[in-house]
Amino acid sequence: MHAKASIAKLAASEASGRVIDRCLQIHGGRGYDRSYAVERLYRELRVDRIWEGTSEIQRLIIANELIKRGSGVLHLPTA
């Protein structure tokens, strides 16, 4: 169960990071201005990635679970 939770945390944090990065690109320099919501969202999403466990830690948890139990246990979706 830990690996599945780590997969969900990793996917959500990485996706939100990509989205907010694109938002900053669209807003340009104003994306860093405190009067815009983009700046606040960037700070919040960035700190969430640190508090919830860094992406590297989530990857380690997933890798250790795969090594311990084998890759077939998690039933990862295929694209």
PDB file of N, CA and C in Angstrom:
ATOM      1  N   MET A   1       0.815  -1.194   0.000  1.00  0.00           N
ATOM      2  CA  MET A   1       0.000   0.000   0.000  1.00  0.00           C
ATOM      3  C   MET A   1       0.865   1.267   0.000  1.00  0.00           C
ATOM      4  N   HIS A   2       2.041   1.203   0.622  1.00  0.00           N
ATOM      5  CA  HIS A   2       2.914   2.387   0.652  1.00  0.00           C
ATOM      6  C   HIS A   2       3.335   2.794  -0.750  1.00  0.00           C
ATOM      7  N   ALA A   3       3.630   1.798  -1.579  1.00  0.00           N
ATOM      8  CA  ALA A   3       4.086   2.114  -2.933  1.00  0.00           C
ATOM      9  C   ALA A   3       2.968   2.766  -3.738  1.00  0.00           C
ATOM     10  N   LYS A   4       1.747   2.293  -3.588  1.00  0.00           N
ATOM     11  CA  LYS A   4       0.631   2.888  -4.328  1.00  0.00           C
ATOM     12  C   LYS A   4       0.392   4.329  -3.871  1.00  0.00           C
ATOM     13  N   ALA A   5       0.494   4.579  -2.574  1.00  0.00           N
ATOM     14  CA  ALA A   5       0.354   5.943  -2.067  1.00  0.00           C
ATOM     15  C   ALA A   5       1.486   6.818  -2.603  1.00  0.00           C
ATOM     16  N   SER A   6       2.689   6.281  -2.661  1.00  0.00           N
ATOM     17  CA  SER A   6       3.831   7.038  -3.182  1.00  0.00           C
ATOM     18  C   SER A   6       3.654   7.343  -4.659  1.00  0.00           C
ATOM     19  N   ILE A   7       3.099   6.387  -5.410  1.00  0.00           N
ATOM     20  CA  ILE A   7       2.843   6.623  -6.831  1.00  0.00           C
ATOM     21  C   ILE A   7       1.851   7.770  -6.997  1.00  0.00           C
ATOM     22  N   ALA A   8       0.795   7.761  -6.198  1.00  0.00           N
ATOM     23  CA  ALA A   8      -0.208   8.824  -6.282  1.00  0.00           C
ATOM     24  C   ALA A   8       0.394  10.175  -5.901  1.00  0.00           C
ATOM     25  N   LYS A   9       1.170  10.220  -4.821  1.00  0.00           N
ATOM     26  CA  LYS A   9       1.809  11.473  -4.391  1.00  0.00           C
ATOM     27  C   LYS A   9       2.778  11.986  -5.444  1.00  0.00           C
ATOM     28  N   LEU A  10       3.565  11.084  -5.987  1.00  0.00           N
ATOM     29  CA  LEU A  10       4.555  11.475  -6.992  1.00  0.00           C
ATOM     30  C   LEU A  10       3.868  12.010  -8.241  1.00  0.00           C
ATOM     31  N   ALA A  11       2.872  11.291  -8.729  1.00  0.00           N
ATOM     32  CA  ALA A  11       2.174  11.719  -9.945  1.00  0.00           C
ATOM     33  C   ALA A  11       1.499  13.071  -9.742  1.00  0.00           C
ATOM     34  N   ALA A  12       0.834  13.243  -8.610  1.00  0.00           N
ATOM     35  CA  ALA A  12       0.130  14.499  -8.356  1.00  0.00           C
ATOM     36  C   ALA A  12       1.099  15.671  -8.196  1.00  0.00           C
ATOM     37  N   SER A  13       2.172  15.468  -7.457  1.00  0.00           N
ATOM     38  CA  SER A  13       3.106  16.574  -7.238  1.00  0.00           C
ATOM     39  C   SER A  13       3.861  16.940  -8.507  1.00  0.00           C
ATOM     40  N   GLU A  14       4.234  15.947  -9.299  1.00  0.00           N
ATOM     41  CA  GLU A  14       4.934  16.230 -10.554  1.00  0.00           C
ATOM     42  C   GLU A  14       4.012  16.929 -11.549  1.00  0.00           C
ATOM     43  N   ALA A  15       2.758  16.477 -11.639  1.00  0.00           N
ATOM     44  CA  ALA A  15       1.803  17.096 -12.559  1.00  0.00           C
ATOM     45  C   ALA A  15       1.508  18.534 -12.149  1.00  0.00           C
ATOM     46  N   SER A  16       1.286  18.755 -10.854  1.00  0.00           N
ATOM     47  CA  SER A  16       0.995  20.119 -10.399  1.00  0.00           C
ATOM     48  C   SER A  16       2.200  21.033 -10.617  1.00  0.00           C
ATOM     49  N   GLY A  17       3.386  20.492 -10.457  1.00  0.00           N
ATOM     50  CA  GLY A  17       4.592  21.281 -10.708  1.00  0.00           C
ATOM     51  C   GLY A  17       4.706  21.700 -12.168  1.00  0.00           C
ATOM     52  N   ARG A  18       4.379  20.779 -13.077  1.00  0.00           N
ATOM     53  CA  ARG A  18       4.417  21.113 -14.509  1.00  0.00           C
ATOM     54  C   ARG A  18       3.370  22.162 -14.856  1.00  0.00           C
ATOM     55  N   VAL A  19       2.187  22.031 -14.276  1.00  0.00           N
ATOM     56  CA  VAL A  19       1.114  22.981 -14.572  1.00  0.00           C
ATOM     57  C   VAL A  19       1.479  24.378 -14.089  1.00  0.00           C
ATOM     58  N   ILE A  20       1.941  24.497 -12.851  1.00  0.00           N
ATOM     59  CA  ILE A  20       2.247  25.822 -12.323  1.00  0.00           C
ATOM     60  C   ILE A  20       3.460  26.421 -13.029  1.00  0.00           C
ATOM     61  N   ASP A  21       4.392  25.580 -13.477  1.00  0.00           N
ATOM     62  CA  ASP A  21       5.533  26.082 -14.246  1.00  0.00           C
ATOM     63  C   ASP A  21       5.055  26.697 -15.561  1.00  0.00           C
ATOM     64  N   ARG A  22       4.114  26.043 -16.205  1.00  0.00           N
ATOM     65  CA  ARG A  22       3.566  26.601 -17.451  1.00  0.00           C
ATOM     66  C   ARG A  22       2.795  27.887 -17.184  1.00  0.00           C
ATOM     67  N   CYS A  23       2.092  27.938 -16.058  1.00  0.00           N
ATOM     68  CA  CYS A  23       1.386  29.173 -15.696  1.00  0.00           C
ATOM     69  C   CYS A  23       2.366  30.326 -15.521  1.00  0.00           C
ATOM     70  N   LEU A  24       3.491  30.061 -14.859  1.00  0.00           N
ATOM     71  CA  LEU A  24       4.501  31.107 -14.686  1.00  0.00           C
ATOM     72  C   LEU A  24       5.056  31.547 -16.036  1.00  0.00           C
ATOM     73  N   GLN A  25       5.241  30.600 -16.948  1.00  0.00           N
ATOM     74  CA  GLN A  25       5.733  30.947 -18.286  1.00  0.00           C
ATOM     75  C   GLN A  25       4.750  31.874 -18.989  1.00  0.00           C
ATOM     76  N   ILE A  26       3.468  31.568 -18.869  1.00  0.00           N
ATOM     77  CA  ILE A  26       2.442  32.378 -19.523  1.00  0.00           C
ATOM     78  C   ILE A  26       2.403  33.786 -18.938  1.00  0.00           C
ATOM     79  N   HIS A  27       2.501  33.886 -17.618  1.00  0.00           N
ATOM     80  CA  HIS A  27       2.420  35.182 -16.965  1.00  0.00           C
ATOM     81  C   HIS A  27       3.732  35.960 -17.011  1.00  0.00           C
ATOM     82  N   GLY A  28       4.817  35.299 -17.347  1.00  0.00           N
ATOM     83  CA  GLY A  28       6.107  35.972 -17.430  1.00  0.00           C
ATOM     84  C   GLY A  28       6.531  36.525 -16.080  1.00  0.00           C
ATOM     85  N   GLY A  29       7.101  37.704 -16.070  1.00  0.00           N
ATOM     86  CA  GLY A  29       7.583  38.325 -14.846  1.00  0.00           C
ATOM     87  C   GLY A  29       6.476  38.604 -13.838  1.00  0.00           C
ATOM     88  N   ARG A  30       5.266  38.801 -14.326  1.00  0.00           N
ATOM     89  CA  ARG A  30       4.154  39.063 -13.416  1.00  0.00           C
ATOM     90  C   ARG A  30       3.779  37.825 -12.603  1.00  0.00           C
ATOM     91  N   GLY A  31       4.213  36.663 -13.051  1.00  0.00           N
ATOM     92  CA  GLY A  31       3.948  35.447 -12.300  1.00  0.00           C
ATOM     93  C   GLY A  31       4.631  35.433 -10.944  1.00  0.00           C
ATOM     94  N   TYR A  32       5.651  36.263 -10.783  1.00  0.00           N
ATOM     95  CA  TYR A  32       6.368  36.368  -9.506  1.00  0.00           C
ATOM     96  C   TYR A  32       5.848  37.502  -8.633  1.00  0.00           C
ATOM     97  N   ASP A  33       4.912  38.273  -9.159  1.00  0.00           N
ATOM     98  CA  ASP A  33       4.337  39.394  -8.425  1.00  0.00           C
ATOM     99  C   ASP A  33       3.329  38.869  -7.408  1.00  0.00           C
ATOM    100  N   ARG A  34       3.456  39.303  -6.159  1.00  0.00           N
ATOM    101  CA  ARG A  34       2.582  38.815  -5.083  1.00  0.00           C
ATOM    102  C   ARG A  34       1.118  39.183  -5.277  1.00  0.00           C
ATOM    103  N   SER A  35       0.820  40.103  -6.165  1.00  0.00           N
ATOM    104  CA  SER A  35      -0.572  40.482  -6.388  1.00  0.00           C
ATOM    105  C   SER A  35      -1.297  39.488  -7.310  1.00  0.00           C
ATOM    106  N   TYR A  36      -0.557  38.531  -7.877  1.00  0.00           N
ATOM    107  CA  TYR A  36      -1.147  37.512  -8.744  1.00  0.00           C
ATOM    108  C   TYR A  36      -1.248  36.180  -8.004  1.00  0.00           C
ATOM    109  N   ALA A  37      -2.325  35.474  -8.242  1.00  0.00           N
ATOM    110  CA  ALA A  37      -2.548  34.178  -7.582  1.00  0.00           C
ATOM    111  C   ALA A  37      -1.506  33.137  -8.003  1.00  0.00           C
ATOM    112  N   VAL A  38      -0.948  33.306  -9.186  1.00  0.00           N
ATOM    113  CA  VAL A  38       0.045  32.344  -9.687  1.00  0.00           C
ATOM    114  C   VAL A  38       1.244  32.267  -8.746  1.00  0.00           C
ATOM    115  N   GLU A  39       1.665  33.400  -8.241  1.00  0.00           N
ATOM    116  CA  GLU A  39       2.826  33.426  -7.343  1.00  0.00           C
ATOM    117  C   GLU A  39       2.541  32.638  -6.069  1.00  0.00           C
ATOM    118  N   ARG A  40       1.364  32.830  -5.498  1.00  0.00           N
ATOM    119  CA  ARG A  40       0.986  32.110  -4.275  1.00  0.00           C
ATOM    120  C   ARG A  40       0.874  30.604  -4.545  1.00  0.00           C
ATOM    121  N   LEU A  41       0.257  30.249  -5.664  1.00  0.00           N
ATOM    122  CA  LEU A  41       0.134  28.828  -6.005  1.00  0.00           C
ATOM    123  C   LEU A  41       1.500  28.187  -6.198  1.00  0.00           C
ATOM    124  N   TYR A  42       2.415  28.910  -6.838  1.00  0.00           N
ATOM    125  CA  TYR A  42       3.753  28.370  -7.038  1.00  0.00           C
ATOM    126  C   TYR A  42       4.414  28.071  -5.690  1.00  0.00           C
ATOM    127  N   ARG A  43       4.341  29.033  -4.763  1.00  0.00           N
ATOM    128  CA  ARG A  43       4.938  28.821  -3.439  1.00  0.00           C
ATOM    129  C   ARG A  43       4.296  27.643  -2.720  1.00  0.00           C
ATOM    130  N   GLU A  44       2.971  27.576  -2.756  1.00  0.00           N
ATOM    131  CA  GLU A  44       2.265  26.510  -2.049  1.00  0.00           C
ATOM    132  C   GLU A  44       2.570  25.136  -2.638  1.00  0.00           C
ATOM    133  N   LEU A  45       2.565  25.047  -3.947  1.00  0.00           N
ATOM    134  CA  LEU A  45       2.842  23.754  -4.578  1.00  0.00           C
ATOM    135  C   LEU A  45       4.282  23.325  -4.355  1.00  0.00           C
ATOM    136  N   ARG A  46       5.180  24.262  -4.379  1.00  0.00           N
ATOM    137  CA  ARG A  46       6.587  23.924  -4.169  1.00  0.00           C
ATOM    138  C   ARG A  46       6.820  23.419  -2.754  1.00  0.00           C
ATOM    139  N   VAL A  47       6.236  24.071  -1.782  1.00  0.00           N
ATOM    140  CA  VAL A  47       6.436  23.654  -0.398  1.00  0.00           C
ATOM    141  C   VAL A  47       5.708  22.335  -0.126  1.00  0.00           C
ATOM    142  N   ASP A  48       4.587  22.090  -0.787  1.00  0.00           N
ATOM    143  CA  ASP A  48       3.892  20.807  -0.631  1.00  0.00           C
ATOM    144  C   ASP A  48       4.770  19.647  -1.091  1.00  0.00           C
ATOM    145  N   ARG A  49       5.531  19.869  -2.144  1.00  0.00           N
ATOM    146  CA  ARG A  49       6.421  18.813  -2.635  1.00  0.00           C
ATOM    147  C   ARG A  49       7.494  18.491  -1.603  1.00  0.00           C
ATOM    148  N   ILE A  50       7.882  19.484  -0.820  1.00  0.00           N
ATOM    149  CA  ILE A  50       8.889  19.257   0.213  1.00  0.00           C
ATOM    150  C   ILE A  50       8.261  18.603   1.439  1.00  0.00           C
ATOM    151  N   TRP A  51       7.116  19.126   1.890  1.00  0.00           N
ATOM    152  CA  TRP A  51       6.478  18.601   3.102  1.00  0.00           C
ATOM    153  C   TRP A  51       5.951  17.190   2.931  1.00  0.00           C
ATOM    154  N   GLU A  52       5.390  16.880   1.794  1.00  0.00           N
ATOM    155  CA  GLU A  52       4.783  15.567   1.578  1.00  0.00           C
ATOM    156  C   GLU A  52       5.832  14.506   1.245  1.00  0.00           C
ATOM    157  N   GLY A  53       7.051  14.868   1.200  1.00  0.00           N
ATOM    158  CA  GLY A  53       8.119  13.946   0.822  1.00  0.00           C
ATOM    159  C   GLY A  53       8.573  14.290  -0.578  1.00  0.00           C
ATOM    160  N   THR A  54       9.840  14.508  -0.731  1.00  0.00           N
ATOM    161  CA  THR A  54      10.343  14.914  -2.036  1.00  0.00           C
ATOM    162  C   THR A  54      10.091  13.825  -3.069  1.00  0.00           C
ATOM    163  N   SER A  55      10.116  14.211  -4.311  1.00  0.00           N
ATOM    164  CA  SER A  55       9.893  13.252  -5.395  1.00  0.00           C
ATOM    165  C   SER A  55      10.924  12.129  -5.344  1.00  0.00           C
ATOM    166  N   GLU A  56      12.137  12.457  -4.952  1.00  0.00           N
ATOM    167  CA  GLU A  56      13.182  11.446  -4.888  1.00  0.00           C
ATOM    168  C   GLU A  56      12.856  10.392  -3.823  1.00  0.00           C
ATOM    169  N   ILE A  57      12.329  10.827  -2.686  1.00  0.00           N
ATOM    170  CA  ILE A  57      11.958   9.894  -1.627  1.00  0.00           C
ATOM    171  C   ILE A  57      10.809   9.013  -2.091  1.00  0.00           C
ATOM    172  N   GLN A  58       9.832   9.602  -2.763  1.00  0.00           N
ATOM    173  CA  GLN A  58       8.715   8.802  -3.277  1.00  0.00           C
ATOM    174  C   GLN A  58       9.217   7.764  -4.278  1.00  0.00           C
ATOM    175  N   ARG A  59      10.148   8.161  -5.115  1.00  0.00           N
ATOM    176  CA  ARG A  59      10.717   7.210  -6.081  1.00  0.00           C
ATOM    177  C   ARG A  59      11.467   6.077  -5.375  1.00  0.00           C
ATOM    178  N   LEU A  60      12.179   6.409  -4.300  1.00  0.00           N
ATOM    179  CA  LEU A  60      12.876   5.372  -3.530  1.00  0.00           C
ATOM    180  C   LEU A  60      11.899   4.382  -2.904  1.00  0.00           C
ATOM    181  N   ILE A  61      10.803   4.894  -2.361  1.00  0.00           N
ATOM    182  CA  ILE A  61       9.793   4.017  -1.770  1.00  0.00           C
ATOM    183  C   ILE A  61       9.225   3.083  -2.827  1.00  0.00           C
ATOM    184  N   ILE A  62       8.906   3.624  -3.990  1.00  0.00           N
ATOM    185  CA  ILE A  62       8.356   2.810  -5.081  1.00  0.00           C
ATOM    186  C   ILE A  62       9.369   1.776  -5.533  1.00  0.00           C
ATOM    187  N   ALA A  63      10.613   2.192  -5.727  1.00  0.00           N
ATOM    188  CA  ALA A  63      11.652   1.267  -6.184  1.00  0.00           C
ATOM    189  C   ALA A  63      11.893   0.163  -5.164  1.00  0.00           C
ATOM    190  N   ASN A  64      11.962   0.512  -3.896  1.00  0.00           N
ATOM    191  CA  ASN A  64      12.181  -0.509  -2.867  1.00  0.00           C
ATOM    192  C   ASN A  64      11.043  -1.512  -2.827  1.00  0.00           C
ATOM    193  N   GLU A  65       9.820  -1.040  -3.003  1.00  0.00           N
ATOM    194  CA  GLU A  65       8.671  -1.945  -3.011  1.00  0.00           C
ATOM    195  C   GLU A  65       8.707  -2.855  -4.236  1.00  0.00           C
ATOM    196  N   LEU A  66       9.106  -2.308  -5.366  1.00  0.00           N
ATOM    197  CA  LEU A  66       9.219  -3.123  -6.578  1.00  0.00           C
ATOM    198  C   LEU A  66      10.299  -4.191  -6.418  1.00  0.00           C
ATOM    199  N   ILE A  67      11.404  -3.817  -5.820  1.00  0.00           N
ATOM    200  CA  ILE A  67      12.486  -4.778  -5.595  1.00  0.00           C
ATOM    201  C   ILE A  67      12.049  -5.855  -4.609  1.00  0.00           C
ATOM    202  N   LYS A  68      11.380  -5.423  -3.551  1.00  0.00           N
ATOM    203  CA  LYS A  68      10.985  -6.349  -2.501  1.00  0.00           C
ATOM    204  C   LYS A  68       9.917  -7.337  -2.978  1.00  0.00           C
ATOM    205  N   ARG A  69       8.932  -6.867  -3.700  1.00  0.00           N
ATOM    206  CA  ARG A  69       7.793  -7.691  -4.051  1.00  0.00           C
ATOM    207  C   ARG A  69       7.711  -8.100  -5.510  1.00  0.00           C
ATOM    208  N   GLY A  70       8.505  -7.499  -6.338  1.00  0.00           N
ATOM    209  CA  GLY A  70       8.440  -7.800  -7.758  1.00  0.00           C
ATOM    210  C   GLY A  70       7.561  -6.789  -8.475  1.00  0.00           C
ATOM    211  N   SER A  71       7.809  -6.598  -9.739  1.00  0.00           N
ATOM    212  CA  SER A  71       7.127  -5.543 -10.483  1.00  0.00           C
ATOM    213  C   SER A  71       5.673  -5.844 -10.768  1.00  0.00           C
ATOM    214  N   GLY A  72       5.219  -7.079 -10.708  1.00  0.00           N
ATOM    215  CA  GLY A  72       3.846  -7.412 -11.015  1.00  0.00           C
ATOM    216  C   GLY A  72       2.856  -7.088  -9.919  1.00  0.00           C
ATOM    217  N   VAL A  73       3.328  -6.810  -8.722  1.00  0.00           N
ATOM    218  CA  VAL A  73       2.443  -6.621  -7.575  1.00  0.00           C
ATOM    219  C   VAL A  73       1.674  -5.311  -7.658  1.00  0.00           C
ATOM    220  N   LEU A  74       2.274  -4.246  -8.167  1.00  0.00           N
ATOM    221  CA  LEU A  74       1.634  -2.947  -8.162  1.00  0.00           C
ATOM    222  C   LEU A  74       0.604  -2.786  -9.274  1.00  0.00           C
ATOM    223  N   HIS A  75       0.653  -3.608 -10.279  1.00  0.00           N
ATOM    224  CA  HIS A  75      -0.273  -3.520 -11.411  1.00  0.00           C
ATOM    225  C   HIS A  75      -0.329  -2.104 -11.962  1.00  0.00           C
ATOM    226  N   LEU A  76       0.837  -1.631 -12.390  1.00  0.00           N
ATOM    227  CA  LEU A  76       0.925  -0.280 -12.920  1.00  0.00           C
ATOM    228  C   LEU A  76       0.210  -0.212 -14.261  1.00  0.00           C
ATOM    229  N   PRO A  77      -0.542   0.873 -14.518  1.00  0.00           N
ATOM    230  CA  PRO A  77      -1.239   0.996 -15.797  1.00  0.00           C
ATOM    231  C   PRO A  77      -0.235   1.210 -16.921  1.00  0.00           C
ATOM    232  N   THR A  78      -0.568   0.704 -18.075  1.00  0.00           N
ATOM    233  CA  THR A  78       0.291   0.894 -19.240  1.00  0.00           C
ATOM    234  C   THR A  78      -0.367   1.882 -20.178  1.00  0.00           C
ATOM    235  N   ALA A  79       0.464   2.647 -20.846  1.00  0.00           N
ATOM    236  CA  ALA A  79      -0.080   3.669 -21.760  1.00  0.00           C
ATOM    237  C   ALA A  79      -0.370   3.097 -23.110  1.00  0.00           C
TER     238      ALA A  79
END
